[in-house]
């Protein structure tokens, strides 16, 4: 959390390879540790290549450039037996938060776009949507995304029993932690549907907070719940859908027009104990077919 943008450490050479591979639709090559020195570029010499590649990809998609995010100022949350449910982060800093839900549709260009943008995003993933190919999301982690919990089956939780809700939330966090090496601490209820039991179960499952949103993006159009401009602390919702490119670029353009910078939700949460899972948990062989989204959206649909 000390890093201003909390972009995970990666080698410049590795990111350049990812961007180059994604642009051709190929899986990024893995450089063996025993590779000859002549084939392994130092970070200093590779950095211009990385930035020029990113710049070209941003220009290709119309992704704006952002100033560095300010040093995050974590908020204070009330204590108790329930997590807080946040529509936005109460901050005056010029930041907004881009979040992407579910994970059913796995378009290869999603990896390229997130890598090229170079901005932090939060992925609220449903484990039933991810289980066929968790490896698809690994390049996004390498590019600075974080993965948080969005239940096992994407069931509407409001009105369900405590045991049911706890299984959905804890089961999701446990599975994502096993796949990606870090157990989630943030939670979003499907459709935004929750009740007091949801917030209590989330607390018992080790969540710090649960999240709604202030803007949604669908088919390239940003829909505002308040006003006509992204405000500091706003949380923007989009999904892994066929219009991913249009939604992602439109969200970033809306943030840029408002004079804001994308920041990471996790950075604005109170400090707490780290929750890690085994980093050796298998991610499975990556496969990247274009899939139709089997999920029928309810009130979460913009």
C-alpha atoms as a PDB file:
ATOM      1  CA  UNK A   1       0.000   0.000   0.000  1.00  0.00           C
ATOM      2  CA  UNK A   2       3.029   2.273   0.233  1.00  0.00           C
ATOM      3  CA  UNK A   3       3.380   2.450  -3.532  1.00  0.00           C
ATOM      4  CA  UNK A   4       1.386   5.365  -4.911  1.00  0.00           C
ATOM      5  CA  UNK A   5      -0.249   3.319  -7.635  1.00  0.00           C
ATOM      6  CA  UNK A   6       0.368  -0.160  -6.144  1.00  0.00           C
ATOM      7  CA  UNK A   7       1.131  -1.552  -9.559  1.00  0.00           C
ATOM      8  CA  UNK A   8       2.618  -4.970  -8.927  1.00  0.00           C
ATOM      9  CA  UNK A   9       6.332  -5.294  -9.657  1.00  0.00           C
ATOM     10  CA  UNK A  10       6.983  -6.802 -13.056  1.00  0.00           C
ATOM     11  CA  UNK A  11       9.987  -6.730 -15.345  1.00  0.00           C
ATOM     12  CA  UNK A  12       9.811  -4.253 -18.156  1.00  0.00           C
ATOM     13  CA  UNK A  13      10.865  -6.983 -20.563  1.00  0.00           C
ATOM     14  CA  UNK A  14       8.016  -9.224 -19.381  1.00  0.00           C
ATOM     15  CA  UNK A  15       5.387  -6.518 -19.852  1.00  0.00           C
ATOM     16  CA  UNK A  16       6.702  -5.631 -23.280  1.00  0.00           C
ATOM     17  CA  UNK A  17       6.415  -9.302 -24.230  1.00  0.00           C
ATOM     18  CA  UNK A  18       2.865  -9.405 -22.908  1.00  0.00           C
ATOM     19  CA  UNK A  19       1.819  -6.356 -24.921  1.00  0.00           C
ATOM     20  CA  UNK A  20       3.475  -7.635 -28.068  1.00  0.00           C
ATOM     21  CA  UNK A  21       1.943 -11.096 -27.698  1.00  0.00           C
ATOM     22  CA  UNK A  22      -1.545  -9.776 -26.944  1.00  0.00           C
ATOM     23  CA  UNK A  23      -1.472  -7.575 -30.032  1.00  0.00           C
ATOM     24  CA  UNK A  24      -1.065 -10.714 -32.148  1.00  0.00           C
ATOM     25  CA  UNK A  25      -3.450 -12.848 -30.117  1.00  0.00           C
ATOM     26  CA  UNK A  26      -0.657 -15.150 -28.901  1.00  0.00           C
ATOM     27  CA  UNK A  27       0.084 -16.372 -25.401  1.00  0.00           C
ATOM     28  CA  UNK A  28       3.033 -14.354 -23.965  1.00  0.00           C
ATOM     29  CA  UNK A  29       6.242 -16.394 -24.069  1.00  0.00           C
ATOM     30  CA  UNK A  30       7.903 -17.399 -20.806  1.00  0.00           C
ATOM     31  CA  UNK A  31      11.614 -16.603 -20.671  1.00  0.00           C
ATOM     32  CA  UNK A  32      13.489 -19.477 -18.957  1.00  0.00           C
ATOM     33  CA  UNK A  33      15.651 -18.503 -16.009  1.00  0.00           C
ATOM     34  CA  UNK A  34      18.663 -19.982 -17.752  1.00  0.00           C
ATOM     35  CA  UNK A  35      18.253 -17.818 -20.884  1.00  0.00           C
ATOM     36  CA  UNK A  36      21.521 -16.403 -22.236  1.00  0.00           C
ATOM     37  CA  UNK A  37      22.356 -12.898 -21.092  1.00  0.00           C
ATOM     38  CA  UNK A  38      22.114 -11.644 -24.678  1.00  0.00           C
ATOM     39  CA  UNK A  39      18.428 -12.573 -24.745  1.00  0.00           C
ATOM     40  CA  UNK A  40      17.541 -10.962 -21.431  1.00  0.00           C
ATOM     41  CA  UNK A  41      17.213  -7.187 -21.509  1.00  0.00           C
ATOM     42  CA  UNK A  42      17.918  -5.208 -18.377  1.00  0.00           C
ATOM     43  CA  UNK A  43      15.002  -3.155 -16.979  1.00  0.00           C
ATOM     44  CA  UNK A  44      16.848   0.078 -17.747  1.00  0.00           C
ATOM     45  CA  UNK A  45      17.370  -0.749 -21.423  1.00  0.00           C
ATOM     46  CA  UNK A  46      13.904  -2.269 -21.868  1.00  0.00           C
ATOM     47  CA  UNK A  47      11.934   0.531 -20.205  1.00  0.00           C
ATOM     48  CA  UNK A  48      11.771   2.763 -23.318  1.00  0.00           C
ATOM     49  CA  UNK A  49      10.553  -0.230 -25.343  1.00  0.00           C
ATOM     50  CA  UNK A  50       7.876  -0.966 -22.770  1.00  0.00           C
ATOM     51  CA  UNK A  51       6.635   2.621 -22.642  1.00  0.00           C
ATOM     52  CA  UNK A  52       6.714   3.045 -26.407  1.00  0.00           C
ATOM     53  CA  UNK A  53       4.750  -0.189 -26.802  1.00  0.00           C
ATOM     54  CA  UNK A  54       2.221   0.925 -24.225  1.00  0.00           C
ATOM     55  CA  UNK A  55       1.976   4.351 -25.846  1.00  0.00           C
ATOM     56  CA  UNK A  56       1.305   2.802 -29.248  1.00  0.00           C
ATOM     57  CA  UNK A  57      -1.385   0.550 -27.808  1.00  0.00           C
ATOM     58  CA  UNK A  58      -3.022   3.442 -25.953  1.00  0.00           C
ATOM     59  CA  UNK A  59      -3.075   5.476 -29.155  1.00  0.00           C
ATOM     60  CA  UNK A  60      -4.535   2.519 -31.032  1.00  0.00           C
ATOM     61  CA  UNK A  61      -7.455   2.221 -28.631  1.00  0.00           C
ATOM     62  CA  UNK A  62      -7.817   5.895 -27.733  1.00  0.00           C
ATOM     63  CA  UNK A  63      -6.848   5.322 -24.098  1.00  0.00           C
ATOM     64  CA  UNK A  64      -5.948   8.631 -22.413  1.00  0.00           C
ATOM     65  CA  UNK A  65      -2.751   9.245 -20.483  1.00  0.00           C
ATOM     66  CA  UNK A  66      -3.090   9.944 -16.771  1.00  0.00           C
ATOM     67  CA  UNK A  67      -0.952  11.788 -14.275  1.00  0.00           C
ATOM     68  CA  UNK A  68       0.367   9.611 -11.440  1.00  0.00           C
ATOM     69  CA  UNK A  69      -2.196   8.938  -8.725  1.00  0.00           C
ATOM     70  CA  UNK A  70      -1.642  10.815  -5.451  1.00  0.00           C
ATOM     71  CA  UNK A  71      -0.384   9.057  -2.358  1.00  0.00           C
ATOM     72  CA  UNK A  72      -3.509   7.227  -1.127  1.00  0.00           C
ATOM     73  CA  UNK A  73      -5.201   8.349   2.059  1.00  0.00           C
ATOM     74  CA  UNK A  74      -6.916   5.288   3.609  1.00  0.00           C
ATOM     75  CA  UNK A  75     -10.360   5.957   5.018  1.00  0.00           C
ATOM     76  CA  UNK A  76     -11.637   5.055   8.473  1.00  0.00           C
ATOM     77  CA  UNK A  77     -14.428   2.487   8.733  1.00  0.00           C
ATOM     78  CA  UNK A  78     -16.686   1.925  11.743  1.00  0.00           C
ATOM     79  CA  UNK A  79     -16.153  -1.156  13.880  1.00  0.00           C
ATOM     80  CA  UNK A  80     -18.879  -3.690  14.517  1.00  0.00           C
ATOM     81  CA  UNK A  81     -20.127  -7.067  13.372  1.00  0.00           C
ATOM     82  CA  UNK A  82     -20.920  -5.910   9.814  1.00  0.00           C
ATOM     83  CA  UNK A  83     -18.856  -4.470   6.989  1.00  0.00           C
ATOM     84  CA  UNK A  84     -19.607  -1.020   5.620  1.00  0.00           C
ATOM     85  CA  UNK A  85     -21.427  -0.850   2.263  1.00  0.00           C
ATOM     86  CA  UNK A  86     -19.839   1.872   0.132  1.00  0.00           C
ATOM     87  CA  UNK A  87     -21.203   3.534  -3.011  1.00  0.00           C
ATOM     88  CA  UNK A  88     -18.128   5.746  -3.278  1.00  0.00           C
ATOM     89  CA  UNK A  89     -14.938   6.381  -1.345  1.00  0.00           C
ATOM     90  CA  UNK A  90     -15.227   9.499   0.861  1.00  0.00           C
ATOM     91  CA  UNK A  91     -12.169  11.351  -0.406  1.00  0.00           C
ATOM     92  CA  UNK A  92     -11.395  14.766  -1.857  1.00  0.00           C
ATOM     93  CA  UNK A  93      -8.397  13.400  -3.740  1.00  0.00           C
ATOM     94  CA  UNK A  94      -8.758  13.575  -7.516  1.00  0.00           C
ATOM     95  CA  UNK A  95      -9.192   9.843  -8.004  1.00  0.00           C
ATOM     96  CA  UNK A  96     -11.877   7.440  -9.214  1.00  0.00           C
ATOM     97  CA  UNK A  97     -12.058   3.656  -9.085  1.00  0.00           C
ATOM     98  CA  UNK A  98     -12.671   1.350 -12.042  1.00  0.00           C
ATOM     99  CA  UNK A  99     -14.118  -2.061 -11.179  1.00  0.00           C
ATOM    100  CA  UNK A 100     -14.876  -4.989 -13.513  1.00  0.00           C
ATOM    101  CA  UNK A 101     -17.274  -7.777 -12.511  1.00  0.00           C
ATOM    102  CA  UNK A 102     -17.956 -11.461 -13.100  1.00  0.00           C
ATOM    103  CA  UNK A 103     -15.461 -12.968 -15.597  1.00  0.00           C
ATOM    104  CA  UNK A 104     -17.678 -15.101 -17.825  1.00  0.00           C
ATOM    105  CA  UNK A 105     -16.466 -13.739 -21.159  1.00  0.00           C
ATOM    106  CA  UNK A 106     -12.695 -13.941 -21.632  1.00  0.00           C
ATOM    107  CA  UNK A 107     -11.677 -11.848 -24.602  1.00  0.00           C
ATOM    108  CA  UNK A 108      -7.907 -11.841 -25.265  1.00  0.00           C
ATOM    109  CA  UNK A 109      -7.960  -8.082 -25.861  1.00  0.00           C
ATOM    110  CA  UNK A 110      -9.028  -7.597 -22.235  1.00  0.00           C
ATOM    111  CA  UNK A 111      -5.491  -8.552 -21.216  1.00  0.00           C
ATOM    112  CA  UNK A 112      -3.987  -6.190 -23.782  1.00  0.00           C
ATOM    113  CA  UNK A 113      -6.170  -3.246 -22.823  1.00  0.00           C
ATOM    114  CA  UNK A 114      -5.435  -3.500 -19.097  1.00  0.00           C
ATOM    115  CA  UNK A 115      -1.715  -3.891 -19.762  1.00  0.00           C
ATOM    116  CA  UNK A 116      -1.626  -0.976 -22.206  1.00  0.00           C
ATOM    117  CA  UNK A 117      -3.598   1.378 -19.954  1.00  0.00           C
ATOM    118  CA  UNK A 118      -1.171   0.894 -17.067  1.00  0.00           C
ATOM    119  CA  UNK A 119      -3.803   1.914 -14.506  1.00  0.00           C
ATOM    120  CA  UNK A 120      -5.035  -0.035 -11.463  1.00  0.00           C
ATOM    121  CA  UNK A 121      -8.385  -1.814 -11.716  1.00  0.00           C
ATOM    122  CA  UNK A 122     -10.295  -4.034  -9.298  1.00  0.00           C
ATOM    123  CA  UNK A 123     -11.749  -7.296 -10.614  1.00  0.00           C
ATOM    124  CA  UNK A 124     -14.711  -8.617  -8.620  1.00  0.00           C
ATOM    125  CA  UNK A 125     -14.741 -12.202  -9.894  1.00  0.00           C
ATOM    126  CA  UNK A 126     -17.398 -14.910  -9.626  1.00  0.00           C
ATOM    127  CA  UNK A 127     -15.653 -18.235  -9.118  1.00  0.00           C
ATOM    128  CA  UNK A 128     -18.089 -20.244 -11.260  1.00  0.00           C
ATOM    129  CA  UNK A 129     -17.317 -17.811 -14.092  1.00  0.00           C
ATOM    130  CA  UNK A 130     -13.567 -18.091 -13.602  1.00  0.00           C
ATOM    131  CA  UNK A 131     -13.055 -21.793 -12.911  1.00  0.00           C
ATOM    132  CA  UNK A 132     -12.772 -22.847 -16.568  1.00  0.00           C
ATOM    133  CA  UNK A 133      -9.690 -20.650 -17.083  1.00  0.00           C
ATOM    134  CA  UNK A 134      -8.323 -18.791 -14.033  1.00  0.00           C
ATOM    135  CA  UNK A 135      -5.030 -18.337 -15.899  1.00  0.00           C
ATOM    136  CA  UNK A 136      -6.714 -15.810 -18.173  1.00  0.00           C
ATOM    137  CA  UNK A 137      -6.638 -13.250 -15.352  1.00  0.00           C
ATOM    138  CA  UNK A 138      -2.974 -13.708 -14.397  1.00  0.00           C
ATOM    139  CA  UNK A 139      -1.614 -11.167 -16.944  1.00  0.00           C
ATOM    140  CA  UNK A 140      -4.079  -8.637 -15.538  1.00  0.00           C
ATOM    141  CA  UNK A 141      -2.623  -9.177 -12.061  1.00  0.00           C
ATOM    142  CA  UNK A 142       0.858  -8.689 -13.514  1.00  0.00           C
ATOM    143  CA  UNK A 143      -0.343  -5.411 -15.054  1.00  0.00           C
ATOM    144  CA  UNK A 144      -1.584  -4.027 -11.717  1.00  0.00           C
ATOM    145  CA  UNK A 145      -5.123  -5.348 -11.257  1.00  0.00           C
ATOM    146  CA  UNK A 146      -6.316  -6.820  -7.973  1.00  0.00           C
ATOM    147  CA  UNK A 147      -8.842  -9.635  -7.603  1.00  0.00           C
ATOM    148  CA  UNK A 148     -11.681  -9.442  -5.093  1.00  0.00           C
ATOM    149  CA  UNK A 149     -14.743 -11.564  -4.222  1.00  0.00           C
ATOM    150  CA  UNK A 150     -18.117 -11.636  -6.026  1.00  0.00           C
ATOM    151  CA  UNK A 151     -19.618 -14.944  -4.708  1.00  0.00           C
ATOM    152  CA  UNK A 152     -19.382 -18.482  -6.044  1.00  0.00           C
ATOM    153  CA  UNK A 153     -22.531 -18.679  -8.198  1.00  0.00           C
ATOM    154  CA  UNK A 154     -23.579 -15.017  -8.642  1.00  0.00           C
ATOM    155  CA  UNK A 155     -26.728 -15.650  -6.633  1.00  0.00           C
ATOM    156  CA  UNK A 156     -28.820 -12.773  -5.322  1.00  0.00           C
ATOM    157  CA  UNK A 157     -28.052 -12.779  -1.594  1.00  0.00           C
ATOM    158  CA  UNK A 158     -30.756 -10.549  -0.157  1.00  0.00           C
ATOM    159  CA  UNK A 159     -33.184 -12.551   1.966  1.00  0.00           C
ATOM    160  CA  UNK A 160     -31.134 -15.750   1.927  1.00  0.00           C
ATOM    161  CA  UNK A 161     -30.010 -17.536   5.075  1.00  0.00           C
ATOM    162  CA  UNK A 162     -26.796 -16.666   6.868  1.00  0.00           C
ATOM    163  CA  UNK A 163     -25.334 -20.089   6.064  1.00  0.00           C
ATOM    164  CA  UNK A 164     -26.081 -19.709   2.358  1.00  0.00           C
ATOM    165  CA  UNK A 165     -24.581 -16.238   2.187  1.00  0.00           C
ATOM    166  CA  UNK A 166     -21.517 -17.246   4.158  1.00  0.00           C
ATOM    167  CA  UNK A 167     -20.881 -20.180   1.803  1.00  0.00           C
ATOM    168  CA  UNK A 168     -21.140 -17.890  -1.213  1.00  0.00           C
ATOM    169  CA  UNK A 169     -18.829 -15.223   0.185  1.00  0.00           C
ATOM    170  CA  UNK A 170     -16.282 -17.324   2.076  1.00  0.00           C
ATOM    171  CA  UNK A 171     -16.215 -19.965  -0.654  1.00  0.00           C
ATOM    172  CA  UNK A 172     -15.490 -17.334  -3.278  1.00  0.00           C
ATOM    173  CA  UNK A 173     -12.691 -15.724  -1.256  1.00  0.00           C
ATOM    174  CA  UNK A 174     -11.119 -19.082  -0.434  1.00  0.00           C
ATOM    175  CA  UNK A 175     -11.147 -20.284  -4.032  1.00  0.00           C
ATOM    176  CA  UNK A 176      -9.783 -17.038  -5.460  1.00  0.00           C
ATOM    177  CA  UNK A 177      -7.070 -17.025  -2.813  1.00  0.00           C
ATOM    178  CA  UNK A 178      -6.028 -20.556  -3.794  1.00  0.00           C
ATOM    179  CA  UNK A 179      -5.908 -19.657  -7.476  1.00  0.00           C
ATOM    180  CA  UNK A 180      -4.182 -16.292  -7.302  1.00  0.00           C
ATOM    181  CA  UNK A 181      -2.082 -16.406  -4.128  1.00  0.00           C
ATOM    182  CA  UNK A 182      -3.893 -13.682  -2.166  1.00  0.00           C
ATOM    183  CA  UNK A 183      -7.255 -14.048  -0.474  1.00  0.00           C
ATOM    184  CA  UNK A 184      -9.666 -11.197  -1.277  1.00  0.00           C
ATOM    185  CA  UNK A 185     -10.578  -8.691   1.419  1.00  0.00           C
ATOM    186  CA  UNK A 186     -13.196  -6.712  -0.541  1.00  0.00           C
ATOM    187  CA  UNK A 187     -16.624  -7.924  -1.664  1.00  0.00           C
ATOM    188  CA  UNK A 188     -19.368  -6.918  -4.074  1.00  0.00           C
ATOM    189  CA  UNK A 189     -22.796  -8.590  -3.803  1.00  0.00           C
ATOM    190  CA  UNK A 190     -24.266  -9.617  -7.176  1.00  0.00           C
ATOM    191  CA  UNK A 191     -26.755  -7.071  -8.560  1.00  0.00           C
ATOM    192  CA  UNK A 192     -25.900  -4.921  -5.528  1.00  0.00           C
ATOM    193  CA  UNK A 193     -28.541  -6.948  -3.662  1.00  0.00           C
ATOM    194  CA  UNK A 194     -27.687  -7.250   0.029  1.00  0.00           C
ATOM    195  CA  UNK A 195     -29.188  -7.125   3.514  1.00  0.00           C
ATOM    196  CA  UNK A 196     -27.862  -7.029   7.052  1.00  0.00           C
ATOM    197  CA  UNK A 197     -27.094 -10.747   6.877  1.00  0.00           C
ATOM    198  CA  UNK A 198     -24.925 -10.152   3.796  1.00  0.00           C
ATOM    199  CA  UNK A 199     -22.847  -7.535   5.564  1.00  0.00           C
ATOM    200  CA  UNK A 200     -22.481  -9.708   8.670  1.00  0.00           C
ATOM    201  CA  UNK A 201     -21.461 -12.775   6.646  1.00  0.00           C
ATOM    202  CA  UNK A 202     -18.958 -10.671   4.697  1.00  0.00           C
ATOM    203  CA  UNK A 203     -17.404  -9.511   7.965  1.00  0.00           C
ATOM    204  CA  UNK A 204     -17.209 -13.094   9.230  1.00  0.00           C
ATOM    205  CA  UNK A 205     -15.535 -14.120   5.959  1.00  0.00           C
ATOM    206  CA  UNK A 206     -12.727 -11.603   6.506  1.00  0.00           C
ATOM    207  CA  UNK A 207     -13.956  -8.844   4.213  1.00  0.00           C
ATOM    208  CA  UNK A 208     -13.040  -5.225   4.987  1.00  0.00           C
ATOM    209  CA  UNK A 209     -15.924  -3.608   3.079  1.00  0.00           C
ATOM    210  CA  UNK A 210     -18.605  -4.274   0.464  1.00  0.00           C
ATOM    211  CA  UNK A 211     -19.212  -2.094  -2.587  1.00  0.00           C
ATOM    212  CA  UNK A 212     -21.980  -0.658  -4.730  1.00  0.00           C
ATOM    213  CA  UNK A 213     -21.173   1.825  -7.547  1.00  0.00           C
ATOM    214  CA  UNK A 214     -21.918   5.364  -8.735  1.00  0.00           C
ATOM    215  CA  UNK A 215     -21.581   4.891 -12.509  1.00  0.00           C
ATOM    216  CA  UNK A 216     -22.123   1.957 -14.843  1.00  0.00           C
ATOM    217  CA  UNK A 217     -20.767   1.386 -18.343  1.00  0.00           C
ATOM    218  CA  UNK A 218     -22.617  -0.666 -20.965  1.00  0.00           C
ATOM    219  CA  UNK A 219     -21.980  -0.835 -24.722  1.00  0.00           C
ATOM    220  CA  UNK A 220     -19.589   2.086 -24.494  1.00  0.00           C
ATOM    221  CA  UNK A 221     -22.000   4.427 -22.708  1.00  0.00           C
ATOM    222  CA  UNK A 222     -21.357   5.732 -19.194  1.00  0.00           C
ATOM    223  CA  UNK A 223     -24.524   6.055 -17.140  1.00  0.00           C
ATOM    224  CA  UNK A 224     -24.373   8.457 -14.218  1.00  0.00           C
ATOM    225  CA  UNK A 225     -26.464   8.010 -11.102  1.00  0.00           C
ATOM    226  CA  UNK A 226     -25.694  11.548  -9.945  1.00  0.00           C
ATOM    227  CA  UNK A 227     -24.944  14.455 -12.258  1.00  0.00           C
ATOM    228  CA  UNK A 228     -23.137  14.124 -15.573  1.00  0.00           C
ATOM    229  CA  UNK A 229     -19.527  13.829 -14.479  1.00  0.00           C
ATOM    230  CA  UNK A 230     -17.374  11.421 -12.521  1.00  0.00           C
ATOM    231  CA  UNK A 231     -16.754  12.823  -9.044  1.00  0.00           C
ATOM    232  CA  UNK A 232     -13.755  12.263  -6.742  1.00  0.00           C
ATOM    233  CA  UNK A 233     -14.135   8.912  -4.997  1.00  0.00           C
ATOM    234  CA  UNK A 234     -16.671   7.525  -7.494  1.00  0.00           C
ATOM    235  CA  UNK A 235     -16.749   3.782  -8.172  1.00  0.00           C
ATOM    236  CA  UNK A 236     -17.390   2.804 -11.794  1.00  0.00           C
ATOM    237  CA  UNK A 237     -18.860  -0.600 -12.694  1.00  0.00           C
ATOM    238  CA  UNK A 238     -18.353  -2.507 -15.937  1.00  0.00           C
ATOM    239  CA  UNK A 239     -18.289  -6.210 -16.866  1.00  0.00           C
ATOM    240  CA  UNK A 240     -16.379  -8.751 -18.917  1.00  0.00           C
ATOM    241  CA  UNK A 241     -18.724  -8.546 -21.905  1.00  0.00           C
ATOM    242  CA  UNK A 242     -18.477  -8.447 -25.697  1.00  0.00           C
ATOM    243  CA  UNK A 243     -18.229  -4.632 -25.610  1.00  0.00           C
ATOM    244  CA  UNK A 244     -15.294  -4.800 -23.173  1.00  0.00           C
ATOM    245  CA  UNK A 245     -13.096  -2.570 -25.321  1.00  0.00           C
ATOM    246  CA  UNK A 246     -15.706   0.173 -25.699  1.00  0.00           C
ATOM    247  CA  UNK A 247     -16.680  -0.002 -22.033  1.00  0.00           C
ATOM    248  CA  UNK A 248     -13.099   0.078 -20.757  1.00  0.00           C
ATOM    249  CA  UNK A 249     -12.038   2.995 -22.968  1.00  0.00           C
ATOM    250  CA  UNK A 250     -15.237   4.948 -22.273  1.00  0.00           C
ATOM    251  CA  UNK A 251     -14.771   4.549 -18.526  1.00  0.00           C
ATOM    252  CA  UNK A 252     -11.189   5.805 -18.696  1.00  0.00           C
ATOM    253  CA  UNK A 253     -12.170   8.732 -20.917  1.00  0.00           C
ATOM    254  CA  UNK A 254     -14.902   9.719 -18.444  1.00  0.00           C
ATOM    255  CA  UNK A 255     -12.381   9.661 -15.595  1.00  0.00           C
ATOM    256  CA  UNK A 256      -9.928  11.700 -17.667  1.00  0.00           C
ATOM    257  CA  UNK A 257     -12.535  14.323 -18.678  1.00  0.00           C
ATOM    258  CA  UNK A 258     -13.300  14.862 -15.006  1.00  0.00           C
ATOM    259  CA  UNK A 259      -9.645  15.645 -14.298  1.00  0.00           C
ATOM    260  CA  UNK A 260      -9.269  12.499 -12.187  1.00  0.00           C
ATOM    261  CA  UNK A 261      -6.850   9.583 -12.097  1.00  0.00           C
ATOM    262  CA  UNK A 262      -7.694   5.885 -11.655  1.00  0.00           C
ATOM    263  CA  UNK A 263      -6.715   4.566  -8.228  1.00  0.00           C
ATOM    264  CA  UNK A 264      -7.022   1.234  -6.442  1.00  0.00           C
ATOM    265  CA  UNK A 265      -9.850   0.534  -3.982  1.00  0.00           C
ATOM    266  CA  UNK A 266      -7.598  -1.618  -1.833  1.00  0.00           C
ATOM    267  CA  UNK A 267      -5.257   1.335  -1.225  1.00  0.00           C
ATOM    268  CA  UNK A 268      -8.056   3.328   0.406  1.00  0.00           C
ATOM    269  CA  UNK A 269      -9.049   0.641   2.880  1.00  0.00           C
ATOM    270  CA  UNK A 270      -7.786   0.660   6.481  1.00  0.00           C
ATOM    271  CA  UNK A 271      -4.614  -1.324   6.986  1.00  0.00           C
ATOM    272  CA  UNK A 272      -5.216  -4.874   8.199  1.00  0.00           C
ATOM    273  CA  UNK A 273      -3.488  -8.245   8.481  1.00  0.00           C
ATOM    274  CA  UNK A 274      -2.370  -9.769   5.201  1.00  0.00           C
ATOM    275  CA  UNK A 275      -4.289 -12.822   4.062  1.00  0.00           C
ATOM    276  CA  UNK A 276      -2.278 -14.972   1.696  1.00  0.00           C
ATOM    277  CA  UNK A 277      -2.778 -18.322   0.082  1.00  0.00           C
ATOM    278  CA  UNK A 278      -0.227 -20.669  -1.374  1.00  0.00           C
ATOM    279  CA  UNK A 279       1.488 -18.963  -4.327  1.00  0.00           C
ATOM    280  CA  UNK A 280       1.987 -22.375  -5.893  1.00  0.00           C
ATOM    281  CA  UNK A 281      -1.741 -22.990  -6.374  1.00  0.00           C
ATOM    282  CA  UNK A 282      -2.251 -24.098  -9.996  1.00  0.00           C
ATOM    283  CA  UNK A 283      -3.851 -21.663 -12.386  1.00  0.00           C
ATOM    284  CA  UNK A 284      -4.470 -24.261 -15.061  1.00  0.00           C
ATOM    285  CA  UNK A 285      -3.646 -24.150 -18.753  1.00  0.00           C
ATOM    286  CA  UNK A 286      -4.754 -20.831 -20.223  1.00  0.00           C
ATOM    287  CA  UNK A 287      -7.371 -21.030 -22.941  1.00  0.00           C
ATOM    288  CA  UNK A 288      -8.878 -17.950 -24.459  1.00  0.00           C
ATOM    289  CA  UNK A 289     -11.901 -18.744 -26.631  1.00  0.00           C
ATOM    290  CA  UNK A 290     -14.582 -16.120 -27.144  1.00  0.00           C
ATOM    291  CA  UNK A 291     -17.538 -17.269 -25.058  1.00  0.00           C
ATOM    292  CA  UNK A 292     -21.104 -16.101 -24.921  1.00  0.00           C
ATOM    293  CA  UNK A 293     -21.975 -14.852 -21.466  1.00  0.00           C
ATOM    294  CA  UNK A 294     -24.376 -17.436 -19.970  1.00  0.00           C
ATOM    295  CA  UNK A 295     -25.460 -15.124 -17.191  1.00  0.00           C
ATOM    296  CA  UNK A 296     -28.734 -13.210 -17.427  1.00  0.00           C
ATOM    297  CA  UNK A 297     -28.224  -9.835 -15.805  1.00  0.00           C
ATOM    298  CA  UNK A 298     -30.762  -8.434 -13.407  1.00  0.00           C
ATOM    299  CA  UNK A 299     -30.786  -5.085 -11.600  1.00  0.00           C
ATOM    300  CA  UNK A 300     -27.015  -4.835 -12.029  1.00  0.00           C
ATOM    301  CA  UNK A 301     -27.560  -4.440 -15.768  1.00  0.00           C
ATOM    302  CA  UNK A 302     -27.227  -0.715 -16.608  1.00  0.00           C
END
